[in-house]
Protein backbone atom coordinates (compact mmCIF):
# COMPACT_ATOMS: atom_id res chain seq x y z
CA MET A 1 -0.01 -26.41 -22.55
CA HIS A 2 0.27 -23.61 -20.04
CA ASP A 3 0.02 -19.90 -20.87
CA ILE A 4 2.80 -19.31 -18.31
CA VAL A 5 5.10 -21.29 -16.04
CA VAL A 6 6.40 -19.35 -13.00
CA VAL A 7 9.72 -20.41 -11.46
CA GLY A 8 10.97 -18.98 -8.17
CA SER A 9 10.50 -18.82 -4.46
CA ALA A 10 7.66 -19.95 -2.22
CA THR A 11 7.55 -19.04 1.44
CA GLU A 12 5.45 -18.78 4.56
CA ASP A 13 5.21 -15.15 5.50
CA VAL A 14 4.62 -13.60 8.86
CA PHE A 15 3.46 -9.96 8.53
CA VAL A 16 4.24 -7.78 11.55
CA ASN A 17 3.03 -4.21 11.75
CA ILE A 18 4.68 -2.04 14.39
CA ASP A 19 3.65 1.59 14.72
CA GLN A 20 6.60 2.32 17.05
CA THR A 21 9.17 2.25 14.26
CA ARG A 22 11.53 5.06 13.32
CA ILE A 23 12.94 5.83 9.90
CA ILE A 24 16.53 6.93 9.85
CA ARG A 25 17.67 8.46 6.64
CA TRP A 26 21.27 8.84 5.47
CA GLU A 27 21.90 10.93 2.35
CA ASP A 28 24.75 12.39 0.33
CA GLU A 29 25.16 13.70 -3.19
CA GLN A 30 25.32 10.13 -4.57
CA ALA A 31 22.49 8.27 -2.84
CA CYS A 32 19.86 8.18 -0.12
CA GLN A 33 19.32 5.24 2.23
CA ALA A 34 16.69 4.66 4.84
CA PHE A 35 16.85 2.33 7.83
CA LEU A 36 13.97 0.87 9.88
CA ALA A 37 14.83 1.35 13.51
CA LEU A 38 13.59 -0.36 16.70
CA GLU A 39 14.88 0.34 20.10
CA TYR A 40 17.65 -2.17 20.87
CA GLY A 41 16.84 -4.46 23.82
CA ALA A 42 13.26 -3.23 24.09
CA LYS A 43 10.08 -5.28 24.10
CA ILE A 44 8.09 -3.80 21.22
CA PRO A 45 4.28 -4.30 21.03
CA VAL A 46 3.01 -5.64 17.70
CA ASP A 47 0.00 -3.76 16.41
CA GLU A 48 -1.06 -6.30 13.74
CA LEU A 49 0.07 -9.82 12.84
CA MET A 50 -0.94 -12.04 9.91
CA ILE A 51 0.43 -15.30 8.46
CA ASP A 52 0.08 -16.02 4.78
CA THR A 53 1.97 -17.62 1.91
CA GLY A 54 4.39 -15.55 -0.14
CA GLY A 55 7.48 -15.57 -2.30
CA GLY A 56 7.73 -14.04 -5.78
CA ALA A 57 6.59 -17.17 -7.57
CA THR A 58 3.41 -17.64 -5.58
CA ASN A 59 2.53 -13.91 -5.67
CA THR A 60 2.92 -13.54 -9.45
CA ALA A 61 1.24 -16.90 -10.11
CA THR A 62 -1.78 -15.67 -8.22
CA THR A 63 -2.08 -12.58 -10.44
CA PHE A 64 -1.64 -14.64 -13.59
CA ALA A 65 -4.37 -17.08 -12.51
CA ARG A 66 -6.78 -14.44 -11.35
CA MET A 67 -6.38 -12.64 -14.63
CA GLY A 68 -7.27 -15.71 -16.60
CA MET A 69 -3.91 -17.15 -17.70
CA LYS A 70 -3.49 -20.94 -17.48
CA THR A 71 -0.74 -20.91 -14.88
CA ALA A 72 1.72 -23.45 -13.38
CA ALA A 73 4.21 -22.75 -10.58
CA LEU A 74 7.52 -24.51 -10.15
CA CYS A 75 8.92 -24.11 -6.64
CA LYS A 76 10.87 -26.31 -4.24
CA ILE A 77 9.42 -26.65 -0.77
CA GLY A 78 9.83 -28.81 2.29
CA HIS A 79 7.70 -31.73 3.41
CA ASP A 80 6.25 -29.55 6.16
CA ALA A 81 3.10 -27.72 7.13
CA PRO A 82 4.14 -24.39 5.55
CA GLY A 83 4.84 -26.14 2.26
CA GLN A 84 1.41 -27.71 2.33
CA GLN A 85 -0.14 -24.28 2.98
CA VAL A 86 1.70 -22.89 -0.06
CA VAL A 87 0.31 -25.63 -2.25
CA GLN A 88 -3.25 -25.36 -0.94
CA ARG A 89 -3.31 -21.58 -1.30
CA LEU A 90 -2.21 -21.79 -4.96
CA GLN A 91 -4.70 -24.55 -5.69
CA GLN A 92 -7.49 -22.30 -4.39
CA GLU A 93 -6.36 -19.83 -7.07
CA ASN A 94 -6.53 -22.52 -9.78
CA VAL A 95 -2.71 -22.57 -10.17
CA ASP A 96 -1.29 -25.91 -11.30
CA THR A 97 1.03 -27.14 -8.58
CA SER A 98 1.93 -30.47 -10.08
CA LEU A 99 5.43 -29.16 -10.88
CA PHE A 100 6.29 -28.51 -7.23
CA ILE A 101 9.32 -30.35 -5.87
CA ARG A 102 9.11 -31.56 -2.22
CA THR A 103 12.20 -32.35 -0.11
CA ASP A 104 12.77 -33.85 3.36
CA GLN A 105 16.20 -32.20 3.60
CA PHE A 106 15.20 -28.57 3.76
CA ASN A 107 12.34 -26.53 5.18
CA THR A 108 10.00 -24.37 3.14
CA GLY A 109 11.25 -20.81 2.91
CA PHE A 110 10.15 -18.39 5.63
CA SER A 111 9.91 -14.61 5.81
CA VAL A 112 9.19 -12.06 8.54
CA ILE A 113 7.92 -8.77 7.04
CA ILE A 114 8.16 -5.83 9.39
CA SER A 115 6.25 -2.70 8.38
CA GLY A 116 5.80 0.59 10.22
CA PHE A 117 3.78 3.79 10.00
CA THR A 118 4.81 4.48 6.45
CA GLY A 119 3.54 1.14 5.07
CA ASP A 120 7.04 0.39 3.65
CA ARG A 121 8.72 -2.83 4.88
CA THR A 122 11.89 -4.62 5.86
CA ILE A 123 11.96 -8.33 5.10
CA LEU A 124 13.88 -10.96 7.00
CA VAL A 125 14.06 -14.02 4.75
CA HIS A 126 15.22 -17.60 5.13
CA ARG A 127 15.02 -18.95 1.55
CA GLY A 128 15.14 -22.58 2.55
CA ALA A 129 14.28 -25.31 0.06
CA ALA A 130 13.90 -22.80 -2.81
CA THR A 131 17.69 -22.43 -3.04
CA GLN A 132 18.11 -26.19 -3.59
CA LEU A 133 16.26 -26.52 -6.94
CA ARG A 134 18.38 -28.68 -9.27
CA ASP A 135 18.67 -28.97 -13.08
CA GLU A 136 17.39 -32.56 -13.07
CA GLU A 137 14.25 -31.46 -11.25
CA ILE A 138 13.21 -28.95 -13.94
CA PRO A 139 10.47 -30.27 -16.31
CA TRP A 140 12.14 -28.94 -19.38
CA ASP A 141 9.55 -30.45 -21.77
CA VAL A 142 6.68 -28.65 -19.93
CA ILE A 143 8.56 -25.35 -20.19
CA ALA A 144 9.22 -25.83 -23.90
CA GLN A 145 5.47 -26.11 -24.52
CA ALA A 146 4.44 -22.98 -22.54
CA GLN A 147 3.74 -19.66 -24.07
CA TRP A 148 5.58 -17.71 -21.36
CA ILE A 149 8.04 -18.39 -18.55
CA PHE A 150 8.52 -16.02 -15.60
CA VAL A 151 11.77 -16.37 -13.75
CA GLY A 152 12.01 -14.64 -10.40
CA SER A 153 14.82 -14.27 -7.90
CA MET A 154 16.94 -17.37 -7.50
CA ALA A 155 19.62 -17.72 -4.81
CA GLY A 156 22.08 -20.27 -3.50
CA PRO A 157 22.81 -23.31 -5.64
CA ALA A 158 19.60 -22.76 -7.59
CA ALA A 159 20.88 -19.41 -8.92
CA SER A 160 22.85 -21.20 -11.62
CA LEU A 161 19.50 -22.08 -13.21
CA PHE A 162 18.44 -18.50 -13.79
CA ASN A 163 20.29 -17.97 -17.05
CA LYS A 164 19.74 -21.56 -18.19
CA LEU A 165 15.98 -21.29 -17.81
CA ALA A 166 15.82 -18.05 -19.81
CA ILE A 167 18.11 -19.33 -22.59
CA PHE A 168 16.31 -22.68 -22.88
CA ALA A 169 12.88 -21.09 -23.03
CA GLY A 170 13.95 -18.46 -25.53
CA GLN A 171 15.51 -21.06 -27.78
CA HIS A 172 12.25 -22.94 -27.76
CA ASN A 173 10.24 -19.83 -28.72
CA VAL A 174 8.80 -19.39 -25.29
CA LYS A 175 8.47 -15.72 -24.22
CA VAL A 176 10.68 -14.92 -21.28
CA ALA A 177 9.97 -12.47 -18.44
CA ILE A 178 12.38 -11.97 -15.62
CA ASN A 179 12.61 -10.19 -12.25
CA PRO A 180 16.24 -10.76 -11.18
CA GLY A 181 17.06 -11.02 -7.48
CA SER A 182 20.08 -9.94 -5.51
CA THR A 183 22.29 -12.81 -6.71
CA GLN A 184 21.63 -11.89 -10.36
CA LEU A 185 22.05 -8.13 -9.73
CA LYS A 186 25.48 -8.76 -8.20
CA GLN A 187 26.53 -10.47 -11.41
CA GLY A 188 25.85 -7.27 -13.36
CA MET A 189 24.92 -7.19 -17.05
CA ALA A 190 27.98 -9.21 -17.91
CA GLY A 191 26.74 -12.10 -15.85
CA LEU A 192 23.31 -12.03 -17.43
CA ARG A 193 24.29 -11.12 -20.94
CA ASP A 194 23.76 -14.60 -22.45
CA ALA A 195 20.21 -14.70 -20.99
CA LEU A 196 19.16 -11.10 -21.73
CA LYS A 197 19.07 -11.56 -25.46
CA TYR A 198 16.11 -14.00 -25.03
CA VAL A 199 14.11 -11.79 -22.64
CA THR A 200 10.76 -10.39 -23.77
CA ALA A 201 10.09 -8.34 -20.63
CA MET A 202 12.31 -7.39 -17.62
CA PHE A 203 11.23 -5.78 -14.37
CA VAL A 204 13.55 -4.09 -11.87
CA ASN A 205 13.09 -1.20 -9.44
CA LYS A 206 15.25 1.86 -9.76
CA ARG A 207 17.79 0.77 -7.06
CA GLU A 208 18.12 -2.58 -8.78
CA ALA A 209 18.58 -0.97 -12.18
CA TYR A 210 21.47 1.13 -10.95
CA GLN A 211 23.13 -1.93 -9.43
CA LEU A 212 22.65 -4.05 -12.51
CA THR A 213 23.80 -1.52 -15.10
CA GLY A 214 26.47 0.22 -13.07
CA VAL A 215 25.04 3.62 -14.04
CA GLU A 216 25.91 6.35 -11.49
CA PRO A 217 22.74 7.92 -10.10
CA ASP A 218 22.37 11.64 -10.42
CA ARG A 219 18.53 11.67 -9.81
CA GLY A 220 17.67 12.95 -13.27
CA PRO A 221 15.38 11.46 -15.95
CA ALA A 222 18.41 10.71 -18.12
CA ASP A 223 19.38 7.93 -15.75
CA GLU A 224 16.31 5.85 -16.44
CA ARG A 225 16.60 6.29 -20.17
CA GLN A 226 20.26 5.30 -20.17
CA MET A 227 19.63 2.21 -18.08
CA MET A 228 16.66 1.10 -20.15
CA ARG A 229 18.52 1.72 -23.42
CA MET A 230 21.47 -0.35 -22.14
CA LEU A 231 19.19 -3.30 -21.27
CA TYR A 232 17.27 -3.00 -24.57
CA GLU A 233 20.57 -3.04 -26.49
CA ALA A 234 21.54 -6.22 -24.57
CA GLY A 235 18.47 -7.87 -26.04
CA VAL A 236 15.57 -7.20 -23.66
CA GLY A 237 12.46 -6.50 -25.72
CA ASN A 238 10.55 -4.48 -23.09
CA VAL A 239 12.31 -2.84 -20.14
CA VAL A 240 10.36 -1.61 -17.10
CA ILE A 241 11.82 0.22 -14.11
CA THR A 242 9.47 0.70 -11.17
CA ALA A 243 9.93 3.59 -8.72
CA GLY A 244 7.15 3.27 -6.15
CA ALA A 245 5.12 6.44 -5.71
CA GLU A 246 7.14 8.07 -8.56
CA GLY A 247 5.51 5.70 -11.02
CA SER A 248 7.29 3.57 -13.57
CA TYR A 249 9.41 3.93 -16.65
CA GLY A 250 9.37 1.77 -19.75
CA TYR A 251 11.13 1.37 -23.13
CA ASP A 252 10.16 -0.87 -26.02
CA GLY A 253 12.99 0.14 -28.34
CA GLN A 254 10.92 2.83 -30.06
CA ARG A 255 9.33 4.92 -27.27
CA TYR A 256 10.03 5.84 -23.68
CA PHE A 257 7.09 5.80 -21.30
CA THR A 258 6.49 7.36 -17.92
CA ILE A 259 3.41 5.94 -16.21
CA PRO A 260 2.32 7.66 -12.92
CA ALA A 261 1.44 5.60 -9.94
CA PHE A 262 -2.23 5.45 -9.02
CA SER A 263 -3.01 7.16 -5.80
CA SER A 264 -3.75 4.67 -3.03
CA GLN A 265 -3.71 4.50 0.73
CA VAL A 266 -0.58 2.53 1.49
CA ILE A 267 -1.15 -0.17 4.09
CA SER A 268 1.73 -2.42 3.06
CA THR A 269 4.10 -2.37 0.04
CA VAL A 270 4.75 -6.09 0.25
CA GLY A 271 4.10 -7.78 -3.09
CA ALA A 272 3.63 -4.54 -5.04
CA GLY A 273 6.51 -5.30 -7.40
CA ASP A 274 5.23 -8.78 -8.03
CA ALA A 275 1.69 -7.46 -8.67
CA TYR A 276 2.99 -4.89 -11.11
CA ALA A 277 5.17 -7.30 -13.10
CA ALA A 278 2.53 -10.00 -13.39
CA ALA A 279 -0.26 -7.71 -14.51
CA CYS A 280 1.99 -6.00 -17.09
CA ILE A 281 2.93 -9.45 -18.51
CA VAL A 282 -0.79 -10.34 -18.76
CA GLY A 283 -1.22 -7.17 -20.75
CA LEU A 284 1.63 -8.04 -23.11
CA HIS A 285 0.14 -11.56 -23.38
CA HIS A 286 -3.08 -9.96 -24.65
CA GLY A 287 -1.14 -7.95 -27.24
CA LEU A 288 -1.30 -4.60 -25.57
CA PRO A 289 1.44 -2.04 -26.20
CA LEU A 290 3.92 -1.61 -23.37
CA ASN A 291 2.48 1.60 -21.99
CA GLU A 292 -1.02 0.12 -21.71
CA ALA A 293 0.40 -3.03 -20.14
CA MET A 294 2.28 -0.85 -17.66
CA ARG A 295 -0.98 0.76 -16.60
CA LEU A 296 -2.36 -2.62 -15.76
CA GLY A 297 0.67 -3.24 -13.62
CA ALA A 298 0.33 0.11 -11.89
CA ALA A 299 -3.32 -0.56 -11.16
CA ASN A 300 -2.68 -4.02 -9.68
CA ALA A 301 0.17 -2.69 -7.55
CA ALA A 302 -1.93 0.18 -6.23
CA SER A 303 -4.65 -2.25 -5.22
CA VAL A 304 -2.15 -4.56 -3.46
CA VAL A 305 -0.54 -1.79 -1.42
CA GLY A 306 -3.97 -0.84 -0.13
CA LYS A 307 -4.41 -4.25 1.57
CA TRP A 308 -2.54 -6.11 4.28
CA GLY A 309 -0.38 -8.84 2.76
CA ALA A 310 0.84 -9.61 -0.73
CA LYS A 311 -2.19 -11.35 -2.20
CA GLU A 312 -5.33 -9.79 -0.72
CA GLY A 313 -5.42 -6.87 -3.18
CA ILE A 314 -4.59 -8.80 -6.42
CA LEU A 315 -7.18 -8.00 -9.05
CA THR A 316 -8.84 -9.99 -11.81
CA TRP A 317 -8.63 -8.82 -15.39
CA GLN A 318 -11.99 -7.08 -15.31
CA GLN A 319 -11.32 -5.56 -11.90
CA THR A 320 -8.06 -4.14 -13.25
CA LEU A 321 -9.85 -2.48 -16.19
CA ASP A 322 -12.46 -1.10 -13.80
CA PHE A 323 -9.78 0.18 -11.42
CA ILE A 324 -8.09 2.09 -14.27
CA ALA A 325 -11.43 3.51 -15.48
CA ASP A 326 -12.32 4.65 -11.96
CA HIS A 327 -8.97 6.20 -11.07
CA SER A 328 -7.76 7.71 -14.34
CA PRO A 329 -8.56 11.31 -15.24
CA PRO A 330 -9.72 11.94 -18.86
CA ARG A 331 -6.67 12.13 -21.07
CA HIS A 332 -5.40 11.40 -24.56
CA THR A 333 -4.24 7.83 -24.87
CA THR A 334 -0.66 8.95 -25.56
CA GLY A 335 -0.52 11.46 -22.78
CA ASN A 336 2.02 9.50 -20.77
CA GLU A 337 4.40 8.74 -23.57
CA GLU A 338 7.84 10.32 -23.77
CA ARG A 339 10.07 10.24 -26.80
């Protein structure tokens, strides 16, 4: 029996850091958007380059395993060298890869992550074999025996499995955590409604929360509360909205929480959301209340953004507790709660 089975994407990632980027911001009373700009037609020198494995499933599985959960990952990859690298990297982290599906028809997913002087990133992604996961390839009996399932972004033909996985797991008393991707967000709450009532914990960033719920942004704290309340009323037990340097917001049906982000030198934001969600789930798995679990997530995310790549900064359970102790000012334990 596994503590958690992670379902989602696995990729080979090429990290490219280019100092000669420009950020172009467009803003009106409704929203603010930023664009990463490179001179068209120019030959741009790359300041740093690294190749590693990535994808939401492998990133979260690494946190779960490092923090002591018995973890299995279910991803579809190609019969190629990048796919083998994905498997070997997870095996080094003591993640069970026996559920992986290999195919000769599609290549392993591939991403190019471009970051600039701010540490934020733009990702070019080819999802590859991950989009081709099929119902008959899911080990439903293994999922039914797990304590948790984490379902990340699913696109292409595989997207139809997102709701089915959550519903099946919930009906078999498996705790369900989700981090919906762009395909799921476009469906809105109506498209996810049958699944949401089985979800123990849900993680979205603020932009994704607006898209999913249809709430109009006015940049006030009432927005987050309204969106979290809507998702809770749809059945989600614990709702978390992350907001980068602003911190994160949570709701467990009784209390609203605002958890500040830990200060950290930002090298790269790649994998921060995965690190946050996974560590928070570990906290919930250990029986912590939502606000304390969110602090674990914030600590893991702060460590990840301080390193190059999505996995280098991932912490163990004890390292996370030590990070919080070292970076938190003295305070009352309920100091970050909002009612």
